[in-house]
Amino acid sequence: MSAAAASGIAQAKRWYWQRISAMVLALCVVVHLAVMIYAVRGGLSAGEILGRTQGNWGFAVFYAVFVVACAVHVPVGVANIAREWWGLGERAALWLSRAFGLLLLGMGLRAVVAVVAA
């Protein structure tokens, strides 16, 4: 297989994963907004909402899925921006985007654990 063909296949796989993660993100955003609107209209403060998340493993799983979907979705776009707008080469753009994705994953999962364990 030529390098161009391998690059095209890799790009198609990234496109696929971005679309799948977008579907997960869309569902997570709708659920998140619905719950937040319901909670706020019900008179709950941010502190009361946070109190209800402590020790709630359903919350942890939902938001962990949300974070993982972000960590899969965002790097594909970052790599495209790095190549198209900043003029980075393919290898540098992928390195940068993967590093950013790992940063998002680490920070997001840390936040989920902090909220649930608090």
PDB file of N, CA and C in Angstrom:
ATOM      1  N   MET A   1       0.851  -1.176   0.000  1.00  0.00           N
ATOM      2  CA  MET A   1       0.000   0.000   0.000  1.00  0.00           C
ATOM      3  C   MET A   1       0.893   1.234   0.000  1.00  0.00           C
ATOM      4  N   SER A   2       0.557   2.187  -0.825  1.00  0.00           N
ATOM      5  CA  SER A   2       1.354   3.413  -0.920  1.00  0.00           C
ATOM      6  C   SER A   2       1.103   4.307   0.295  1.00  0.00           C
ATOM      7  N   ALA A   3       2.015   5.241   0.496  1.00  0.00           N
ATOM      8  CA  ALA A   3       1.885   6.177   1.619  1.00  0.00           C
ATOM      9  C   ALA A   3       0.635   7.041   1.462  1.00  0.00           C
ATOM     10  N   ALA A   4       0.332   7.427   0.232  1.00  0.00           N
ATOM     11  CA  ALA A   4      -0.853   8.257  -0.012  1.00  0.00           C
ATOM     12  C   ALA A   4      -2.131   7.487   0.324  1.00  0.00           C
ATOM     13  N   ALA A   5      -2.165   6.207  -0.053  1.00  0.00           N
ATOM     14  CA  ALA A   5      -3.341   5.390   0.245  1.00  0.00           C
ATOM     15  C   ALA A   5      -3.487   5.188   1.748  1.00  0.00           C
ATOM     16  N   ALA A   6      -2.369   4.929   2.429  1.00  0.00           N
ATOM     17  CA  ALA A   6      -2.404   4.749   3.883  1.00  0.00           C
ATOM     18  C   ALA A   6      -2.867   6.026   4.575  1.00  0.00           C
ATOM     19  N   SER A   7      -2.405   7.171   4.083  1.00  0.00           N
ATOM     20  CA  SER A   7      -2.814   8.453   4.657  1.00  0.00           C
ATOM     21  C   SER A   7      -4.310   8.687   4.444  1.00  0.00           C
ATOM     22  N   GLY A   8      -4.798   8.326   3.269  1.00  0.00           N
ATOM     23  CA  GLY A   8      -6.224   8.480   2.978  1.00  0.00           C
ATOM     24  C   GLY A   8      -7.085   7.596   3.858  1.00  0.00           C
ATOM     25  N   ILE A   9      -6.630   6.375   4.094  1.00  0.00           N
ATOM     26  CA  ILE A   9      -7.368   5.459   4.967  1.00  0.00           C
ATOM     27  C   ILE A   9      -7.371   5.987   6.399  1.00  0.00           C
ATOM     28  N   ALA A  10      -6.218   6.462   6.859  1.00  0.00           N
ATOM     29  CA  ALA A  10      -6.127   7.017   8.218  1.00  0.00           C
ATOM     30  C   ALA A  10      -7.041   8.231   8.367  1.00  0.00           C
ATOM     31  N   GLN A  11      -7.080   9.065   7.349  1.00  0.00           N
ATOM     32  CA  GLN A  11      -7.942  10.248   7.395  1.00  0.00           C
ATOM     33  C   GLN A  11      -9.417   9.842   7.417  1.00  0.00           C
ATOM     34  N   ALA A  12      -9.769   8.823   6.657  1.00  0.00           N
ATOM     35  CA  ALA A  12     -11.155   8.337   6.652  1.00  0.00           C
ATOM     36  C   ALA A  12     -11.539   7.774   8.019  1.00  0.00           C
ATOM     37  N   LYS A  13     -10.609   7.085   8.671  1.00  0.00           N
ATOM     38  CA  LYS A  13     -10.878   6.551  10.011  1.00  0.00           C
ATOM     39  C   LYS A  13     -11.083   7.680  11.013  1.00  0.00           C
ATOM     40  N   ARG A  14     -10.259   8.715  10.924  1.00  0.00           N
ATOM     41  CA  ARG A  14     -10.430   9.866  11.823  1.00  0.00           C
ATOM     42  C   ARG A  14     -11.784  10.532  11.587  1.00  0.00           C
ATOM     43  N   TRP A  15     -12.159  10.667  10.325  1.00  0.00           N
ATOM     44  CA  TRP A  15     -13.460  11.245   9.979  1.00  0.00           C
ATOM     45  C   TRP A  15     -14.577  10.406  10.602  1.00  0.00           C
ATOM     46  N   TYR A  16     -14.486   9.096  10.479  1.00  0.00           N
ATOM     47  CA  TYR A  16     -15.487   8.180  11.027  1.00  0.00           C
ATOM     48  C   TYR A  16     -15.603   8.357  12.539  1.00  0.00           C
ATOM     49  N   TRP A  17     -14.471   8.352  13.233  1.00  0.00           N
ATOM     50  CA  TRP A  17     -14.494   8.484  14.690  1.00  0.00           C
ATOM     51  C   TRP A  17     -15.033   9.840  15.124  1.00  0.00           C
ATOM     52  N   GLN A  18     -14.766  10.872  14.354  1.00  0.00           N
ATOM     53  CA  GLN A  18     -15.301  12.187  14.696  1.00  0.00           C
ATOM     54  C   GLN A  18     -16.820  12.190  14.559  1.00  0.00           C
ATOM     55  N   ARG A  19     -17.344  11.532  13.541  1.00  0.00           N
ATOM     56  CA  ARG A  19     -18.794  11.496  13.345  1.00  0.00           C
ATOM     57  C   ARG A  19     -19.482  10.663  14.421  1.00  0.00           C
ATOM     58  N   ILE A  20     -18.898   9.533  14.771  1.00  0.00           N
ATOM     59  CA  ILE A  20     -19.473   8.694  15.830  1.00  0.00           C
ATOM     60  C   ILE A  20     -19.454   9.447  17.157  1.00  0.00           C
ATOM     61  N   SER A  21     -18.324  10.085  17.467  1.00  0.00           N
ATOM     62  CA  SER A  21     -18.238  10.835  18.729  1.00  0.00           C
ATOM     63  C   SER A  21     -19.201  12.022  18.719  1.00  0.00           C
ATOM     64  N   ALA A  22     -19.448  12.610  17.555  1.00  0.00           N
ATOM     65  CA  ALA A  22     -20.415  13.714  17.467  1.00  0.00           C
ATOM     66  C   ALA A  22     -21.817  13.241  17.834  1.00  0.00           C
ATOM     67  N   MET A  23     -22.161  12.027  17.436  1.00  0.00           N
ATOM     68  CA  MET A  23     -23.474  11.481  17.793  1.00  0.00           C
ATOM     69  C   MET A  23     -23.594  11.303  19.304  1.00  0.00           C
ATOM     70  N   VAL A  24     -22.539  10.785  19.912  1.00  0.00           N
ATOM     71  CA  VAL A  24     -22.532  10.607  21.367  1.00  0.00           C
ATOM     72  C   VAL A  24     -22.601  11.971  22.050  1.00  0.00           C
ATOM     73  N   LEU A  25     -21.806  12.926  21.556  1.00  0.00           N
ATOM     74  CA  LEU A  25     -21.801  14.272  22.140  1.00  0.00           C
ATOM     75  C   LEU A  25     -23.168  14.941  22.035  1.00  0.00           C
ATOM     76  N   ALA A  26     -23.823  14.787  20.908  1.00  0.00           N
ATOM     77  CA  ALA A  26     -25.145  15.401  20.736  1.00  0.00           C
ATOM     78  C   ALA A  26     -26.117  14.881  21.789  1.00  0.00           C
ATOM     79  N   LEU A  27     -26.116  13.591  22.001  1.00  0.00           N
ATOM     80  CA  LEU A  27     -26.985  12.998  23.012  1.00  0.00           C
ATOM     81  C   LEU A  27     -26.605  13.494  24.409  1.00  0.00           C
ATOM     82  N   CYS A  28     -25.310  13.519  24.708  1.00  0.00           N
ATOM     83  CA  CYS A  28     -24.851  13.978  26.027  1.00  0.00           C
ATOM     84  C   CYS A  28     -25.216  15.439  26.272  1.00  0.00           C
ATOM     85  N   VAL A  29     -25.062  16.277  25.272  1.00  0.00           N
ATOM     86  CA  VAL A  29     -25.396  17.699  25.428  1.00  0.00           C
ATOM     87  C   VAL A  29     -26.888  17.871  25.695  1.00  0.00           C
ATOM     88  N   VAL A  30     -27.721  17.161  24.958  1.00  0.00           N
ATOM     89  CA  VAL A  30     -29.170  17.269  25.157  1.00  0.00           C
ATOM     90  C   VAL A  30     -29.549  16.818  26.570  1.00  0.00           C
ATOM     91  N   VAL A  31     -29.012  15.682  27.005  1.00  0.00           N
ATOM     92  CA  VAL A  31     -29.313  15.186  28.353  1.00  0.00           C
ATOM     93  C   VAL A  31     -28.810  16.172  29.401  1.00  0.00           C
ATOM     94  N   HIS A  32     -27.575  16.644  29.247  1.00  0.00           N
ATOM     95  CA  HIS A  32     -26.992  17.588  30.203  1.00  0.00           C
ATOM     96  C   HIS A  32     -27.845  18.858  30.310  1.00  0.00           C
ATOM     97  N   LEU A  33     -28.190  19.449  29.178  1.00  0.00           N
ATOM     98  CA  LEU A  33     -28.994  20.675  29.200  1.00  0.00           C
ATOM     99  C   LEU A  33     -30.377  20.440  29.801  1.00  0.00           C
ATOM    100  N   ALA A  34     -31.001  19.333  29.453  1.00  0.00           N
ATOM    101  CA  ALA A  34     -32.330  19.029  29.995  1.00  0.00           C
ATOM    102  C   ALA A  34     -32.275  18.885  31.513  1.00  0.00           C
ATOM    103  N   VAL A  35     -31.280  18.179  32.010  1.00  0.00           N
ATOM    104  CA  VAL A  35     -31.153  17.990  33.458  1.00  0.00           C
ATOM    105  C   VAL A  35     -30.856  19.315  34.150  1.00  0.00           C
ATOM    106  N   MET A  36     -29.966  20.116  33.575  1.00  0.00           N
ATOM    107  CA  MET A  36     -29.621  21.401  34.194  1.00  0.00           C
ATOM    108  C   MET A  36     -30.821  22.361  34.201  1.00  0.00           C
ATOM    109  N   ILE A  37     -31.554  22.417  33.108  1.00  0.00           N
ATOM    110  CA  ILE A  37     -32.734  23.289  33.051  1.00  0.00           C
ATOM    111  C   ILE A  37     -33.780  22.822  34.059  1.00  0.00           C
ATOM    112  N   TYR A  38     -34.001  21.519  34.115  1.00  0.00           N
ATOM    113  CA  TYR A  38     -34.959  20.959  35.072  1.00  0.00           C
ATOM    114  C   TYR A  38     -34.535  21.275  36.507  1.00  0.00           C
ATOM    115  N   ALA A  39     -33.259  21.110  36.809  1.00  0.00           N
ATOM    116  CA  ALA A  39     -32.760  21.345  38.168  1.00  0.00           C
ATOM    117  C   ALA A  39     -32.864  22.815  38.558  1.00  0.00           C
ATOM    118  N   VAL A  40     -32.471  23.693  37.663  1.00  0.00           N
ATOM    119  CA  VAL A  40     -32.496  25.124  37.969  1.00  0.00           C
ATOM    120  C   VAL A  40     -33.936  25.621  38.089  1.00  0.00           C
ATOM    121  N   ARG A  41     -34.794  25.171  37.198  1.00  0.00           N
ATOM    122  CA  ARG A  41     -36.207  25.584  37.287  1.00  0.00           C
ATOM    123  C   ARG A  41     -36.876  25.008  38.523  1.00  0.00           C
ATOM    124  N   GLY A  42     -36.328  23.894  39.002  1.00  0.00           N
ATOM    125  CA  GLY A  42     -36.848  23.293  40.232  1.00  0.00           C
ATOM    126  C   GLY A  42     -36.349  24.003  41.478  1.00  0.00           C
ATOM    127  N   GLY A  43     -35.525  25.020  41.290  1.00  0.00           N
ATOM    128  CA  GLY A  43     -35.064  25.818  42.413  1.00  0.00           C
ATOM    129  C   GLY A  43     -33.763  25.359  43.040  1.00  0.00           C
ATOM    130  N   LEU A  44     -33.085  24.408  42.427  1.00  0.00           N
ATOM    131  CA  LEU A  44     -31.820  23.935  42.990  1.00  0.00           C
ATOM    132  C   LEU A  44     -30.697  24.919  42.680  1.00  0.00           C
ATOM    133  N   SER A  45     -29.852  25.146  43.661  1.00  0.00           N
ATOM    134  CA  SER A  45     -28.671  25.989  43.450  1.00  0.00           C
ATOM    135  C   SER A  45     -27.531  25.114  42.934  1.00  0.00           C
ATOM    136  N   ALA A  46     -26.458  25.754  42.520  1.00  0.00           N
ATOM    137  CA  ALA A  46     -25.287  25.006  42.052  1.00  0.00           C
ATOM    138  C   ALA A  46     -24.757  24.110  43.166  1.00  0.00           C
ATOM    139  N   GLY A  47     -24.754  24.610  44.384  1.00  0.00           N
ATOM    140  CA  GLY A  47     -24.285  23.816  45.523  1.00  0.00           C
ATOM    141  C   GLY A  47     -25.153  22.595  45.774  1.00  0.00           C
ATOM    142  N   GLU A  48     -26.461  22.760  45.647  1.00  0.00           N
ATOM    143  CA  GLU A  48     -27.373  21.629  45.841  1.00  0.00           C
ATOM    144  C   GLU A  48     -27.217  20.597  44.721  1.00  0.00           C
ATOM    145  N   ILE A  49     -27.023  21.071  43.513  1.00  0.00           N
ATOM    146  CA  ILE A  49     -26.797  20.149  42.392  1.00  0.00           C
ATOM    147  C   ILE A  49     -25.510  19.378  42.624  1.00  0.00           C
ATOM    148  N   LEU A  50     -24.458  20.083  43.018  1.00  0.00           N
ATOM    149  CA  LEU A  50     -23.174  19.438  43.288  1.00  0.00           C
ATOM    150  C   LEU A  50     -23.315  18.423  44.416  1.00  0.00           C
ATOM    151  N   GLY A  51     -24.089  18.757  45.434  1.00  0.00           N
ATOM    152  CA  GLY A  51     -24.312  17.831  46.538  1.00  0.00           C
ATOM    153  C   GLY A  51     -24.977  16.541  46.090  1.00  0.00           C
ATOM    154  N   ARG A  52     -25.831  16.624  45.110  1.00  0.00           N
ATOM    155  CA  ARG A  52     -26.516  15.427  44.611  1.00  0.00           C
ATOM    156  C   ARG A  52     -25.621  14.555  43.734  1.00  0.00           C
ATOM    157  N   THR A  53     -24.551  15.120  43.224  1.00  0.00           N
ATOM    158  CA  THR A  53     -23.656  14.332  42.368  1.00  0.00           C
ATOM    159  C   THR A  53     -22.633  13.543  43.173  1.00  0.00           C
ATOM    160  N   GLN A  54     -22.412  13.930  44.411  1.00  0.00           N
ATOM    161  CA  GLN A  54     -21.403  13.260  45.232  1.00  0.00           C
ATOM    162  C   GLN A  54     -21.794  11.814  45.484  1.00  0.00           C
ATOM    163  N   GLY A  55     -20.888  10.915  45.134  1.00  0.00           N
ATOM    164  CA  GLY A  55     -21.123   9.495  45.318  1.00  0.00           C
ATOM    165  C   GLY A  55     -22.075   8.883  44.309  1.00  0.00           C
ATOM    166  N   ASN A  56     -22.499   9.630  43.319  1.00  0.00           N
ATOM    167  CA  ASN A  56     -23.447   9.146  42.318  1.00  0.00           C
ATOM    168  C   ASN A  56     -22.673   8.573  41.130  1.00  0.00           C
ATOM    169  N   TRP A  57     -22.600   7.250  41.067  1.00  0.00           N
ATOM    170  CA  TRP A  57     -21.804   6.611  40.015  1.00  0.00           C
ATOM    171  C   TRP A  57     -22.497   6.665  38.658  1.00  0.00           C
ATOM    172  N   GLY A  58     -23.801   6.834  38.630  1.00  0.00           N
ATOM    173  CA  GLY A  58     -24.496   7.050  37.356  1.00  0.00           C
ATOM    174  C   GLY A  58     -24.036   8.349  36.717  1.00  0.00           C
ATOM    175  N   PHE A  59     -23.935   9.385  37.549  1.00  0.00           N
ATOM    176  CA  PHE A  59     -23.392  10.668  37.102  1.00  0.00           C
ATOM    177  C   PHE A  59     -21.974  10.477  36.575  1.00  0.00           C
ATOM    178  N   ALA A  60     -21.169   9.741  37.317  1.00  0.00           N
ATOM    179  CA  ALA A  60     -19.768   9.536  36.932  1.00  0.00           C
ATOM    180  C   ALA A  60     -19.662   8.845  35.576  1.00  0.00           C
ATOM    181  N   VAL A  61     -20.453   7.818  35.368  1.00  0.00           N
ATOM    182  CA  VAL A  61     -20.399   7.087  34.093  1.00  0.00           C
ATOM    183  C   VAL A  61     -20.865   7.982  32.950  1.00  0.00           C
ATOM    184  N   PHE A  62     -21.973   8.693  33.151  1.00  0.00           N
ATOM    185  CA  PHE A  62     -22.485   9.572  32.098  1.00  0.00           C
ATOM    186  C   PHE A  62     -21.442  10.610  31.699  1.00  0.00           C
ATOM    187  N   TYR A  63     -20.881  11.307  32.677  1.00  0.00           N
ATOM    188  CA  TYR A  63     -19.926  12.361  32.353  1.00  0.00           C
ATOM    189  C   TYR A  63     -18.579  11.810  31.894  1.00  0.00           C
ATOM    190  N   ALA A  64     -18.219  10.603  32.309  1.00  0.00           N
ATOM    191  CA  ALA A  64     -17.005   9.975  31.778  1.00  0.00           C
ATOM    192  C   ALA A  64     -17.181   9.684  30.284  1.00  0.00           C
ATOM    193  N   VAL A  65     -18.359   9.209  29.903  1.00  0.00           N
ATOM    194  CA  VAL A  65     -18.647   8.991  28.478  1.00  0.00           C
ATOM    195  C   VAL A  65     -18.593  10.321  27.729  1.00  0.00           C
ATOM    196  N   PHE A  66     -19.141  11.363  28.316  1.00  0.00           N
ATOM    197  CA  PHE A  66     -19.122  12.710  27.734  1.00  0.00           C
ATOM    198  C   PHE A  66     -17.673  13.153  27.501  1.00  0.00           C
ATOM    199  N   VAL A  67     -16.833  12.978  28.510  1.00  0.00           N
ATOM    200  CA  VAL A  67     -15.423  13.382  28.422  1.00  0.00           C
ATOM    201  C   VAL A  67     -14.688  12.575  27.354  1.00  0.00           C
ATOM    202  N   VAL A  68     -14.890  11.273  27.329  1.00  0.00           N
ATOM    203  CA  VAL A  68     -14.212  10.432  26.334  1.00  0.00           C
ATOM    204  C   VAL A  68     -14.654  10.826  24.927  1.00  0.00           C
ATOM    205  N   ALA A  69     -15.932  11.091  24.740  1.00  0.00           N
ATOM    206  CA  ALA A  69     -16.413  11.525  23.421  1.00  0.00           C
ATOM    207  C   ALA A  69     -15.745  12.833  23.004  1.00  0.00           C
ATOM    208  N   CYS A  70     -15.585  13.758  23.945  1.00  0.00           N
ATOM    209  CA  CYS A  70     -14.876  15.016  23.642  1.00  0.00           C
ATOM    210  C   CYS A  70     -13.427  14.748  23.266  1.00  0.00           C
ATOM    211  N   ALA A  71     -12.781  13.859  24.028  1.00  0.00           N
ATOM    212  CA  ALA A  71     -11.370  13.562  23.788  1.00  0.00           C
ATOM    213  C   ALA A  71     -11.148  12.844  22.458  1.00  0.00           C
ATOM    214  N   VAL A  72     -12.162  12.187  21.939  1.00  0.00           N
ATOM    215  CA  VAL A  72     -12.075  11.558  20.617  1.00  0.00           C
ATOM    216  C   VAL A  72     -12.399  12.582  19.531  1.00  0.00           C
ATOM    217  N   HIS A  73     -13.401  13.402  19.763  1.00  0.00           N
ATOM    218  CA  HIS A  73     -13.917  14.321  18.750  1.00  0.00           C
ATOM    219  C   HIS A  73     -13.002  15.520  18.487  1.00  0.00           C
ATOM    220  N   VAL A  74     -12.592  16.177  19.525  1.00  0.00           N
ATOM    221  CA  VAL A  74     -11.866  17.444  19.394  1.00  0.00           C
ATOM    222  C   VAL A  74     -10.525  17.311  18.663  1.00  0.00           C
ATOM    223  N   PRO A  75      -9.706  16.298  18.950  1.00  0.00           N
ATOM    224  CA  PRO A  75      -8.405  16.237  18.270  1.00  0.00           C
ATOM    225  C   PRO A  75      -8.477  16.161  16.745  1.00  0.00           C
ATOM    226  N   VAL A  76      -9.523  15.578  16.213  1.00  0.00           N
ATOM    227  CA  VAL A  76      -9.650  15.515  14.751  1.00  0.00           C
ATOM    228  C   VAL A  76      -9.777  16.928  14.187  1.00  0.00           C
ATOM    229  N   GLY A  77     -10.607  17.735  14.809  1.00  0.00           N
ATOM    230  CA  GLY A  77     -10.757  19.122  14.371  1.00  0.00           C
ATOM    231  C   GLY A  77      -9.503  19.938  14.599  1.00  0.00           C
ATOM    232  N   VAL A  78      -8.835  19.719  15.735  1.00  0.00           N
ATOM    233  CA  VAL A  78      -7.594  20.446  16.026  1.00  0.00           C
ATOM    234  C   VAL A  78      -6.534  20.116  14.982  1.00  0.00           C
ATOM    235  N   ALA A  79      -6.430  18.851  14.592  1.00  0.00           N
ATOM    236  CA  ALA A  79      -5.451  18.462  13.569  1.00  0.00           C
ATOM    237  C   ALA A  79      -5.759  19.147  12.242  1.00  0.00           C
ATOM    238  N   ASN A  80      -7.023  19.208  11.876  1.00  0.00           N
ATOM    239  CA  ASN A  80      -7.400  19.885  10.630  1.00  0.00           C
ATOM    240  C   ASN A  80      -7.075  21.373  10.682  1.00  0.00           C
ATOM    241  N   ILE A  81      -7.382  22.009  11.805  1.00  0.00           N
ATOM    242  CA  ILE A  81      -7.065  23.436  11.964  1.00  0.00           C
ATOM    243  C   ILE A  81      -5.562  23.653  11.904  1.00  0.00           C
ATOM    244  N   ALA A  82      -4.811  22.798  12.577  1.00  0.00           N
ATOM    245  CA  ALA A  82      -3.351  22.936  12.596  1.00  0.00           C
ATOM    246  C   ALA A  82      -2.762  22.811  11.191  1.00  0.00           C
ATOM    247  N   ARG A  83      -3.311  21.914  10.389  1.00  0.00           N
ATOM    248  CA  ARG A  83      -2.816  21.747   9.015  1.00  0.00           C
ATOM    249  C   ARG A  83      -3.276  22.888   8.113  1.00  0.00           C
ATOM    250  N   GLU A  84      -4.556  23.195   8.143  1.00  0.00           N
ATOM    251  CA  GLU A  84      -5.129  24.142   7.186  1.00  0.00           C
ATOM    252  C   GLU A  84      -4.860  25.601   7.533  1.00  0.00           C
ATOM    253  N   TRP A  85      -4.899  25.970   8.795  1.00  0.00           N
ATOM    254  CA  TRP A  85      -4.762  27.374   9.178  1.00  0.00           C
ATOM    255  C   TRP A  85      -3.355  27.725   9.625  1.00  0.00           C
ATOM    256  N   TRP A  86      -2.712  26.807  10.343  1.00  0.00           N
ATOM    257  CA  TRP A  86      -1.392  27.112  10.894  1.00  0.00           C
ATOM    258  C   TRP A  86      -0.261  26.606  10.011  1.00  0.00           C
ATOM    259  N   GLY A  87      -0.596  25.816   8.994  1.00  0.00           N
ATOM    260  CA  GLY A  87       0.404  25.325   8.060  1.00  0.00           C
ATOM    261  C   GLY A  87       1.302  24.225   8.600  1.00  0.00           C
ATOM    262  N   LEU A  88       0.885  23.540   9.656  1.00  0.00           N
ATOM    263  CA  LEU A  88       1.697  22.442  10.185  1.00  0.00           C
ATOM    264  C   LEU A  88       1.621  21.245   9.246  1.00  0.00           C
ATOM    265  N   GLY A  89       2.664  20.451   9.250  1.00  0.00           N
ATOM    266  CA  GLY A  89       2.653  19.213   8.483  1.00  0.00           C
ATOM    267  C   GLY A  89       1.755  18.182   9.150  1.00  0.00           C
ATOM    268  N   GLU A  90       1.481  17.115   8.433  1.00  0.00           N
ATOM    269  CA  GLU A  90       0.590  16.056   8.925  1.00  0.00           C
ATOM    270  C   GLU A  90       1.063  15.487  10.259  1.00  0.00           C
ATOM    271  N   ARG A  91       2.325  15.146  10.337  1.00  0.00           N
ATOM    272  CA  ARG A  91       2.864  14.519  11.552  1.00  0.00           C
ATOM    273  C   ARG A  91       2.779  15.465  12.754  1.00  0.00           C
ATOM    274  N   ALA A  92       3.173  16.719  12.577  1.00  0.00           N
ATOM    275  CA  ALA A  92       3.131  17.698  13.673  1.00  0.00           C
ATOM    276  C   ALA A  92       1.694  17.974  14.102  1.00  0.00           C
ATOM    277  N   ALA A  93       0.795  18.077  13.133  1.00  0.00           N
ATOM    278  CA  ALA A  93      -0.610  18.338  13.450  1.00  0.00           C
ATOM    279  C   ALA A  93      -1.212  17.186  14.249  1.00  0.00           C
ATOM    280  N   LEU A  94      -0.890  15.962  13.857  1.00  0.00           N
ATOM    281  CA  LEU A  94      -1.411  14.804  14.586  1.00  0.00           C
ATOM    282  C   LEU A  94      -0.823  14.726  15.987  1.00  0.00           C
ATOM    283  N   TRP A  95       0.468  15.017  16.118  1.00  0.00           N
ATOM    284  CA  TRP A  95       1.095  14.995  17.441  1.00  0.00           C
ATOM    285  C   TRP A  95       0.433  16.023  18.353  1.00  0.00           C
ATOM    286  N   LEU A  96       0.281  17.233  17.848  1.00  0.00           N
ATOM    287  CA  LEU A  96      -0.338  18.306  18.626  1.00  0.00           C
ATOM    288  C   LEU A  96      -1.767  17.943  19.021  1.00  0.00           C
ATOM    289  N   SER A  97      -2.530  17.441  18.075  1.00  0.00           N
ATOM    290  CA  SER A  97      -3.936  17.135  18.354  1.00  0.00           C
ATOM    291  C   SER A  97      -4.077  15.980  19.340  1.00  0.00           C
ATOM    292  N   ARG A  98      -3.218  14.986  19.238  1.00  0.00           N
ATOM    293  CA  ARG A  98      -3.275  13.863  20.182  1.00  0.00           C
ATOM    294  C   ARG A  98      -2.874  14.307  21.582  1.00  0.00           C
ATOM    295  N   ALA A  99      -1.867  15.158  21.667  1.00  0.00           N
ATOM    296  CA  ALA A  99      -1.462  15.689  22.972  1.00  0.00           C
ATOM    297  C   ALA A  99      -2.613  16.481  23.596  1.00  0.00           C
ATOM    298  N   PHE A 100      -3.277  17.291  22.784  1.00  0.00           N
ATOM    299  CA  PHE A 100      -4.410  18.075  23.278  1.00  0.00           C
ATOM    300  C   PHE A 100      -5.549  17.155  23.711  1.00  0.00           C
ATOM    301  N   GLY A 101      -5.798  16.102  22.939  1.00  0.00           N
ATOM    302  CA  GLY A 101      -6.837  15.138  23.299  1.00  0.00           C
ATOM    303  C   GLY A 101      -6.543  14.447  24.621  1.00  0.00           C
ATOM    304  N   LEU A 102      -5.285  14.073  24.830  1.00  0.00           N
ATOM    305  CA  LEU A 102      -4.909  13.452  26.103  1.00  0.00           C
ATOM    306  C   LEU A 102      -5.054  14.429  27.261  1.00  0.00           C
ATOM    307  N   LEU A 103      -4.725  15.694  27.017  1.00  0.00           N
ATOM    308  CA  LEU A 103      -4.904  16.724  28.040  1.00  0.00           C
ATOM    309  C   LEU A 103      -6.387  16.863  28.400  1.00  0.00           C
ATOM    310  N   LEU A 104      -7.243  16.926  27.390  1.00  0.00           N
ATOM    311  CA  LEU A 104      -8.692  16.999  27.633  1.00  0.00           C
ATOM    312  C   LEU A 104      -9.187  15.782  28.413  1.00  0.00           C
ATOM    313  N   LEU A 105      -8.729  14.617  28.008  1.00  0.00           N
ATOM    314  CA  LEU A 105      -9.147  13.382  28.669  1.00  0.00           C
ATOM    315  C   LEU A 105      -8.736  13.392  30.135  1.00  0.00           C
ATOM    316  N   GLY A 106      -7.483  13.728  30.389  1.00  0.00           N
ATOM    317  CA  GLY A 106      -6.998  13.745  31.767  1.00  0.00           C
ATOM    318  C   GLY A 106      -7.721  14.758  32.635  1.00  0.00           C
ATOM    319  N   MET A 107      -7.850  15.974  32.127  1.00  0.00           N
ATOM    320  CA  MET A 107      -8.520  17.026  32.905  1.00  0.00           C
ATOM    321  C   MET A 107     -10.002  16.706  33.110  1.00  0.00           C
ATOM    322  N   GLY A 108     -10.649  16.193  32.074  1.00  0.00           N
ATOM    323  CA  GLY A 108     -12.070  15.886  32.177  1.00  0.00           C
ATOM    324  C   GLY A 108     -12.359  14.766  33.154  1.00  0.00           C
ATOM    325  N   LEU A 109     -11.587  13.685  33.067  1.00  0.00           N
ATOM    326  CA  LEU A 109     -11.806  12.567  33.987  1.00  0.00           C
ATOM    327  C   LEU A 109     -11.456  12.960  35.419  1.00  0.00           C
ATOM    328  N   ARG A 110     -10.437  13.794  35.568  1.00  0.00           N
ATOM    329  CA  ARG A 110     -10.084  14.284  36.904  1.00  0.00           C
ATOM    330  C   ARG A 110     -11.240  15.103  37.489  1.00  0.00           C
ATOM    331  N   ALA A 111     -11.870  15.923  36.668  1.00  0.00           N
ATOM    332  CA  ALA A 111     -13.012  16.720  37.133  1.00  0.00           C
ATOM    333  C   ALA A 111     -14.182  15.823  37.527  1.00  0.00           C
ATOM    334  N   VAL A 112     -14.447  14.790  36.737  1.00  0.00           N
ATOM    335  CA  VAL A 112     -15.543  13.869  37.060  1.00  0.00           C
ATOM    336  C   VAL A 112     -15.281  13.196  38.404  1.00  0.00           C
ATOM    337  N   VAL A 113     -14.070  12.700  38.584  1.00  0.00           N
ATOM    338  CA  VAL A 113     -13.722  12.042  39.851  1.00  0.00           C
ATOM    339  C   VAL A 113     -13.830  13.028  41.015  1.00  0.00           C
ATOM    340  N   ALA A 114     -13.347  14.247  40.816  1.00  0.00           N
ATOM    341  CA  ALA A 114     -13.389  15.249  41.886  1.00  0.00           C
ATOM    342  C   ALA A 114     -14.823  15.571  42.295  1.00  0.00           C
ATOM    343  N   VAL A 115     -15.720  15.658  41.337  1.00  0.00           N
ATOM    344  CA  VAL A 115     -17.114  15.995  41.646  1.00  0.00           C
ATOM    345  C   VAL A 115     -17.810  14.823  42.337  1.00  0.00           C
ATOM    346  N   VAL A 116     -17.569  13.621  41.868  1.00  0.00           N
ATOM    347  CA  VAL A 116     -18.241  12.454  42.445  1.00  0.00           C
ATOM    348  C   VAL A 116     -17.674  12.119  43.821  1.00  0.00           C
ATOM    349  N   ALA A 117     -16.367  12.233  43.976  1.00  0.00           N
ATOM    350  CA  ALA A 117     -15.723  11.850  45.234  1.00  0.00           C
ATOM    351  C   ALA A 117     -15.772  12.951  46.287  1.00  0.00           C
ATOM    352  N   ALA A 118     -16.112  14.162  45.888  1.00  0.00           N
ATOM    353  CA  ALA A 118     -16.076  15.300  46.834  1.00  0.00           C
ATOM    354  C   ALA A 118     -17.039  15.122  47.979  1.00  0.00           C
TER     355      ALA A 118
END
